[in-house]
């Protein structure tokens, strides 16, 4: 019998973006993800019946090097929320979610692009 050799595992940036996006969307105070352009294109896709195209990764970018990841999240904040509280919670939840998959999160950078209802 021969001994099994270890291979390598890679995680695509799209997978990281999906995990991070799901975590960020679950944070109270996050109205939606994505900047103005992404939200515009999403509304166009909604109108033509492609309402789920790109939703999982919209507003999230990721750089993956081995098991190290750096994530960027662009979000729309609900009116009346404290920016620092919501962004800190987004950072914590994204890091927790990705760490649960064995990834080493170097940074979660959050950009508040808009506020709803203002």
N, C-alpha and C. Protein backbone atom coordinates (compact mmCIF):
# COMPACT_ATOMS: atom_id res chain seq x y z
N UNK A 1 0.82 -1.18 0.00
CA UNK A 1 0.00 0.00 0.00
C UNK A 1 0.87 1.24 0.00
N UNK A 2 0.45 2.21 -0.77
CA UNK A 2 1.20 3.47 -0.77
C UNK A 2 0.53 4.47 0.16
N UNK A 3 1.34 5.33 0.68
CA UNK A 3 0.86 6.34 1.61
C UNK A 3 0.26 7.49 0.81
N UNK A 4 -0.87 8.02 1.25
CA UNK A 4 -1.52 9.15 0.57
C UNK A 4 -0.69 10.40 0.73
N UNK A 5 -0.63 11.19 -0.32
CA UNK A 5 0.09 12.46 -0.24
C UNK A 5 -0.90 13.59 -0.01
N UNK A 6 -0.43 14.59 0.68
CA UNK A 6 -1.27 15.75 0.92
C UNK A 6 -1.28 16.63 -0.30
N UNK A 7 -2.43 17.15 -0.61
CA UNK A 7 -2.58 18.09 -1.72
C UNK A 7 -2.76 19.49 -1.16
N UNK A 8 -3.22 20.37 -1.99
CA UNK A 8 -3.44 21.73 -1.54
C UNK A 8 -4.92 22.08 -1.68
N UNK A 9 -5.34 23.03 -0.91
CA UNK A 9 -6.71 23.53 -0.98
C UNK A 9 -6.65 25.02 -1.25
N UNK A 10 -7.43 25.47 -2.19
CA UNK A 10 -7.53 26.90 -2.45
C UNK A 10 -8.99 27.32 -2.34
N UNK A 11 -9.19 28.55 -1.93
CA UNK A 11 -10.53 29.12 -1.81
C UNK A 11 -10.56 30.33 -2.73
N UNK A 12 -11.53 30.37 -3.62
CA UNK A 12 -11.61 31.48 -4.57
C UNK A 12 -12.10 32.75 -3.88
N UNK A 13 -11.76 33.87 -4.48
CA UNK A 13 -12.21 35.14 -3.91
C UNK A 13 -13.72 35.24 -3.95
N UNK A 14 -14.37 34.62 -4.94
CA UNK A 14 -15.83 34.65 -5.00
C UNK A 14 -16.46 33.95 -3.79
N UNK A 15 -15.88 32.85 -3.37
CA UNK A 15 -16.39 32.14 -2.19
C UNK A 15 -16.22 33.01 -0.95
N UNK A 16 -15.07 33.64 -0.82
CA UNK A 16 -14.82 34.54 0.31
C UNK A 16 -15.83 35.69 0.28
N UNK A 17 -16.09 36.23 -0.90
CA UNK A 17 -17.04 37.34 -1.04
C UNK A 17 -18.45 36.91 -0.62
N UNK A 18 -18.85 35.71 -0.99
CA UNK A 18 -20.18 35.21 -0.62
C UNK A 18 -20.31 35.06 0.90
N UNK A 19 -19.30 34.49 1.52
CA UNK A 19 -19.33 34.30 2.97
C UNK A 19 -19.37 35.65 3.67
N UNK A 20 -18.50 36.57 3.24
CA UNK A 20 -18.43 37.89 3.85
C UNK A 20 -19.72 38.67 3.63
N UNK A 21 -20.28 38.56 2.43
CA UNK A 21 -21.53 39.27 2.13
C UNK A 21 -22.67 38.80 3.00
N UNK A 22 -22.79 37.49 3.17
CA UNK A 22 -23.85 36.94 4.01
C UNK A 22 -23.69 37.41 5.45
N UNK A 23 -22.46 37.44 5.94
CA UNK A 23 -22.21 37.89 7.32
C UNK A 23 -22.54 39.37 7.48
N UNK A 24 -22.14 40.19 6.52
CA UNK A 24 -22.38 41.63 6.60
C UNK A 24 -23.87 41.96 6.52
N UNK A 25 -24.60 41.26 5.65
CA UNK A 25 -26.04 41.51 5.51
C UNK A 25 -26.80 41.22 6.80
N UNK A 26 -26.28 40.33 7.62
CA UNK A 26 -26.95 39.96 8.85
C UNK A 26 -26.75 40.92 10.00
N UNK A 27 -25.98 41.97 9.80
CA UNK A 27 -25.70 42.92 10.86
C UNK A 27 -26.82 43.97 10.91
N UNK A 28 -27.45 44.16 12.07
CA UNK A 28 -28.46 45.21 12.20
C UNK A 28 -27.86 46.57 11.87
N UNK A 29 -28.58 47.34 11.07
CA UNK A 29 -28.10 48.66 10.66
C UNK A 29 -27.57 48.68 9.25
N UNK A 30 -27.33 47.50 8.67
CA UNK A 30 -26.89 47.42 7.27
C UNK A 30 -28.16 47.32 6.41
N UNK A 31 -28.41 48.38 5.63
CA UNK A 31 -29.61 48.39 4.78
C UNK A 31 -29.39 47.54 3.53
N UNK A 32 -28.22 47.68 2.91
CA UNK A 32 -27.86 46.86 1.75
C UNK A 32 -26.38 47.01 1.48
N UNK A 33 -25.88 46.20 0.59
CA UNK A 33 -24.47 46.23 0.23
C UNK A 33 -24.29 46.78 -1.17
N UNK A 34 -23.17 47.41 -1.40
CA UNK A 34 -22.82 47.91 -2.71
C UNK A 34 -22.86 49.42 -2.78
N UNK A 35 -22.02 49.96 -3.66
CA UNK A 35 -22.00 51.39 -3.89
C UNK A 35 -23.10 51.79 -4.85
N UNK A 36 -23.13 53.06 -5.19
CA UNK A 36 -24.17 53.60 -6.07
C UNK A 36 -24.27 52.86 -7.39
N UNK A 37 -23.13 52.61 -8.03
CA UNK A 37 -23.13 51.95 -9.34
C UNK A 37 -23.65 50.52 -9.23
N UNK A 38 -23.18 49.79 -8.22
CA UNK A 38 -23.62 48.40 -8.03
C UNK A 38 -25.12 48.34 -7.75
N UNK A 39 -25.62 49.28 -6.94
CA UNK A 39 -27.04 49.29 -6.64
C UNK A 39 -27.87 49.66 -7.87
N UNK A 40 -27.35 50.57 -8.71
CA UNK A 40 -28.04 50.94 -9.94
C UNK A 40 -28.17 49.73 -10.86
N UNK A 41 -27.04 49.04 -11.10
CA UNK A 41 -27.08 47.87 -11.97
C UNK A 41 -27.97 46.77 -11.39
N UNK A 42 -27.97 46.63 -10.08
CA UNK A 42 -28.83 45.63 -9.46
C UNK A 42 -30.30 45.97 -9.68
N UNK A 43 -30.67 47.25 -9.62
CA UNK A 43 -32.06 47.62 -9.86
C UNK A 43 -32.45 47.34 -11.31
N UNK A 44 -31.53 47.54 -12.26
CA UNK A 44 -31.79 47.22 -13.66
C UNK A 44 -31.99 45.71 -13.82
N UNK A 45 -31.11 44.92 -13.20
CA UNK A 45 -31.25 43.46 -13.28
C UNK A 45 -32.58 43.00 -12.67
N UNK A 46 -32.99 43.64 -11.57
CA UNK A 46 -34.27 43.31 -10.95
C UNK A 46 -35.42 43.53 -11.93
N UNK A 47 -35.36 44.64 -12.66
CA UNK A 47 -36.45 44.99 -13.58
C UNK A 47 -36.56 44.04 -14.76
N UNK A 48 -35.45 43.42 -15.15
CA UNK A 48 -35.50 42.50 -16.29
C UNK A 48 -35.59 41.04 -15.85
N UNK A 49 -35.85 40.83 -14.57
CA UNK A 49 -36.08 39.47 -14.09
C UNK A 49 -34.84 38.71 -13.68
N UNK A 50 -33.72 39.38 -13.59
CA UNK A 50 -32.48 38.72 -13.16
C UNK A 50 -32.12 39.21 -11.76
N UNK A 51 -33.11 39.21 -10.88
CA UNK A 51 -32.96 39.84 -9.58
C UNK A 51 -31.96 39.20 -8.65
N UNK A 52 -31.48 38.00 -8.93
CA UNK A 52 -30.51 37.38 -8.04
C UNK A 52 -29.11 37.35 -8.61
N UNK A 53 -28.92 37.88 -9.79
CA UNK A 53 -27.60 37.88 -10.43
C UNK A 53 -26.67 38.80 -9.66
N UNK A 54 -25.58 38.26 -9.16
CA UNK A 54 -24.58 39.07 -8.49
C UNK A 54 -24.91 39.47 -7.07
N UNK A 55 -26.09 39.12 -6.55
CA UNK A 55 -26.46 39.55 -5.19
C UNK A 55 -25.52 39.01 -4.13
N UNK A 56 -25.05 37.79 -4.30
CA UNK A 56 -24.25 37.14 -3.24
C UNK A 56 -22.92 37.84 -3.02
N UNK A 57 -22.36 38.45 -4.06
CA UNK A 57 -21.05 39.07 -3.92
C UNK A 57 -21.09 40.59 -4.05
N UNK A 58 -22.25 41.17 -4.33
CA UNK A 58 -22.36 42.62 -4.53
C UNK A 58 -21.91 43.37 -3.28
N UNK A 59 -21.06 44.37 -3.49
CA UNK A 59 -20.61 45.20 -2.39
C UNK A 59 -19.44 44.62 -1.61
N UNK A 60 -18.93 43.49 -2.04
CA UNK A 60 -17.84 42.84 -1.31
C UNK A 60 -16.71 42.51 -2.28
N UNK A 61 -15.49 42.83 -1.88
CA UNK A 61 -14.32 42.44 -2.65
C UNK A 61 -13.40 41.65 -1.72
N UNK A 62 -12.58 40.82 -2.31
CA UNK A 62 -11.67 40.01 -1.49
C UNK A 62 -10.38 39.76 -2.24
N UNK A 63 -9.30 39.83 -1.49
CA UNK A 63 -8.00 39.44 -2.00
C UNK A 63 -7.59 38.21 -1.20
N UNK A 64 -7.32 37.13 -1.91
CA UNK A 64 -6.98 35.87 -1.27
C UNK A 64 -5.56 35.47 -1.66
N UNK A 65 -4.73 35.24 -0.65
CA UNK A 65 -3.37 34.75 -0.86
C UNK A 65 -3.18 33.56 0.06
N UNK A 66 -3.29 32.38 -0.52
CA UNK A 66 -3.24 31.18 0.32
C UNK A 66 -4.45 31.15 1.23
N UNK A 67 -4.22 31.13 2.53
CA UNK A 67 -5.34 31.16 3.47
C UNK A 67 -5.51 32.56 4.08
N UNK A 68 -4.71 33.53 3.62
CA UNK A 68 -4.83 34.92 4.10
C UNK A 68 -5.81 35.68 3.22
N UNK A 69 -6.73 36.40 3.84
CA UNK A 69 -7.71 37.17 3.08
C UNK A 69 -7.81 38.60 3.61
N UNK A 70 -8.01 39.50 2.67
CA UNK A 70 -8.33 40.89 2.98
C UNK A 70 -9.65 41.18 2.28
N UNK A 71 -10.60 41.72 3.04
CA UNK A 71 -11.95 41.91 2.52
C UNK A 71 -12.30 43.40 2.55
N UNK A 72 -13.01 43.83 1.51
CA UNK A 72 -13.58 45.17 1.46
C UNK A 72 -15.08 45.06 1.38
N UNK A 73 -15.78 45.83 2.18
CA UNK A 73 -17.25 45.81 2.18
C UNK A 73 -17.75 47.24 1.98
N UNK A 74 -18.60 47.43 0.98
CA UNK A 74 -19.24 48.72 0.75
C UNK A 74 -20.70 48.54 1.13
N UNK A 75 -21.19 49.42 2.02
CA UNK A 75 -22.55 49.23 2.50
C UNK A 75 -23.34 50.53 2.57
N UNK A 76 -24.65 50.35 2.67
CA UNK A 76 -25.58 51.44 2.91
C UNK A 76 -26.08 51.27 4.33
N UNK A 77 -25.97 52.33 5.09
CA UNK A 77 -26.34 52.31 6.50
C UNK A 77 -27.80 52.74 6.68
N UNK A 78 -28.50 52.12 7.61
CA UNK A 78 -29.85 52.58 7.95
C UNK A 78 -29.74 53.91 8.68
N UNK A 79 -30.65 54.82 8.39
CA UNK A 79 -30.66 56.13 9.05
C UNK A 79 -30.82 55.95 10.56
N UNK A 80 -30.13 56.79 11.33
CA UNK A 80 -30.24 56.76 12.77
C UNK A 80 -29.28 55.81 13.46
N UNK A 81 -28.48 55.10 12.71
CA UNK A 81 -27.50 54.17 13.28
C UNK A 81 -26.18 54.87 13.51
N UNK A 82 -25.44 54.40 14.50
CA UNK A 82 -24.11 54.93 14.78
C UNK A 82 -23.12 54.22 13.86
N UNK A 83 -22.46 55.00 13.02
CA UNK A 83 -21.58 54.43 12.00
C UNK A 83 -20.53 53.51 12.62
N UNK A 84 -19.84 53.97 13.64
CA UNK A 84 -18.75 53.19 14.24
C UNK A 84 -19.25 51.86 14.81
N UNK A 85 -20.45 51.85 15.38
CA UNK A 85 -20.99 50.61 15.95
C UNK A 85 -21.32 49.59 14.85
N UNK A 86 -21.98 50.05 13.80
CA UNK A 86 -22.36 49.14 12.72
C UNK A 86 -21.13 48.61 12.00
N UNK A 87 -20.19 49.50 11.69
CA UNK A 87 -19.01 49.04 10.95
C UNK A 87 -18.15 48.09 11.78
N UNK A 88 -18.05 48.35 13.09
CA UNK A 88 -17.29 47.44 13.96
C UNK A 88 -17.96 46.06 14.00
N UNK A 89 -19.29 46.05 14.02
CA UNK A 89 -20.02 44.78 14.04
C UNK A 89 -19.86 44.04 12.70
N UNK A 90 -19.87 44.78 11.59
CA UNK A 90 -19.65 44.16 10.29
C UNK A 90 -18.26 43.53 10.26
N UNK A 91 -17.26 44.26 10.72
CA UNK A 91 -15.89 43.73 10.73
C UNK A 91 -15.81 42.46 11.58
N UNK A 92 -16.43 42.49 12.75
CA UNK A 92 -16.37 41.33 13.64
C UNK A 92 -17.09 40.12 13.04
N UNK A 93 -18.28 40.34 12.47
CA UNK A 93 -19.06 39.22 11.92
C UNK A 93 -18.39 38.62 10.68
N UNK A 94 -17.83 39.47 9.83
CA UNK A 94 -17.15 38.97 8.64
C UNK A 94 -15.92 38.17 9.05
N UNK A 95 -15.15 38.71 9.98
CA UNK A 95 -13.95 37.99 10.45
C UNK A 95 -14.33 36.65 11.08
N UNK A 96 -15.37 36.66 11.90
CA UNK A 96 -15.82 35.43 12.56
C UNK A 96 -16.27 34.39 11.52
N UNK A 97 -17.04 34.83 10.53
CA UNK A 97 -17.54 33.90 9.52
C UNK A 97 -16.39 33.29 8.71
N UNK A 98 -15.45 34.10 8.28
CA UNK A 98 -14.35 33.60 7.47
C UNK A 98 -13.38 32.75 8.28
N UNK A 99 -13.16 33.12 9.53
CA UNK A 99 -12.29 32.33 10.41
C UNK A 99 -12.88 30.95 10.63
N UNK A 100 -14.21 30.87 10.64
CA UNK A 100 -14.89 29.59 10.80
C UNK A 100 -14.61 28.63 9.65
N UNK A 101 -14.17 29.17 8.53
CA UNK A 101 -13.80 28.35 7.37
C UNK A 101 -12.30 28.10 7.32
N UNK A 102 -11.59 28.47 8.38
CA UNK A 102 -10.16 28.24 8.44
C UNK A 102 -9.32 29.27 7.73
N UNK A 103 -9.91 30.41 7.41
CA UNK A 103 -9.18 31.46 6.72
C UNK A 103 -8.61 32.46 7.73
N UNK A 104 -7.46 33.01 7.41
CA UNK A 104 -6.81 34.01 8.26
C UNK A 104 -7.17 35.40 7.72
N UNK A 105 -7.99 36.13 8.46
CA UNK A 105 -8.46 37.43 8.01
C UNK A 105 -7.45 38.50 8.44
N UNK A 106 -6.81 39.11 7.44
CA UNK A 106 -5.82 40.15 7.72
C UNK A 106 -6.51 41.48 8.00
N UNK A 107 -7.59 41.78 7.25
CA UNK A 107 -8.31 43.04 7.44
C UNK A 107 -9.69 42.95 6.82
N UNK A 108 -10.63 43.67 7.43
CA UNK A 108 -11.96 43.87 6.86
C UNK A 108 -12.16 45.38 6.80
N UNK A 109 -12.08 45.92 5.59
CA UNK A 109 -12.21 47.36 5.39
C UNK A 109 -13.65 47.68 4.99
N UNK A 110 -14.30 48.58 5.74
CA UNK A 110 -15.69 48.91 5.50
C UNK A 110 -15.80 50.34 4.99
N UNK A 111 -16.57 50.51 3.92
CA UNK A 111 -16.82 51.82 3.35
C UNK A 111 -18.33 52.07 3.38
N UNK A 112 -18.77 53.08 4.14
CA UNK A 112 -20.18 53.45 4.18
C UNK A 112 -20.41 54.39 2.99
N UNK A 113 -21.18 53.92 2.02
CA UNK A 113 -21.39 54.65 0.77
C UNK A 113 -22.63 55.54 0.81
N UNK A 114 -23.61 55.18 1.64
CA UNK A 114 -24.87 55.94 1.65
C UNK A 114 -25.61 55.64 2.94
N UNK A 115 -26.65 56.45 3.19
CA UNK A 115 -27.53 56.24 4.34
C UNK A 115 -28.95 56.27 3.80
N UNK A 116 -29.77 55.28 4.20
CA UNK A 116 -31.15 55.24 3.74
C UNK A 116 -31.99 56.29 4.45
N UNK A 117 -33.00 56.75 3.78
CA UNK A 117 -33.98 57.64 4.40
C UNK A 117 -33.51 59.05 4.69
N UNK A 118 -32.38 59.45 4.12
CA UNK A 118 -31.88 60.79 4.38
C UNK A 118 -31.88 61.59 3.10
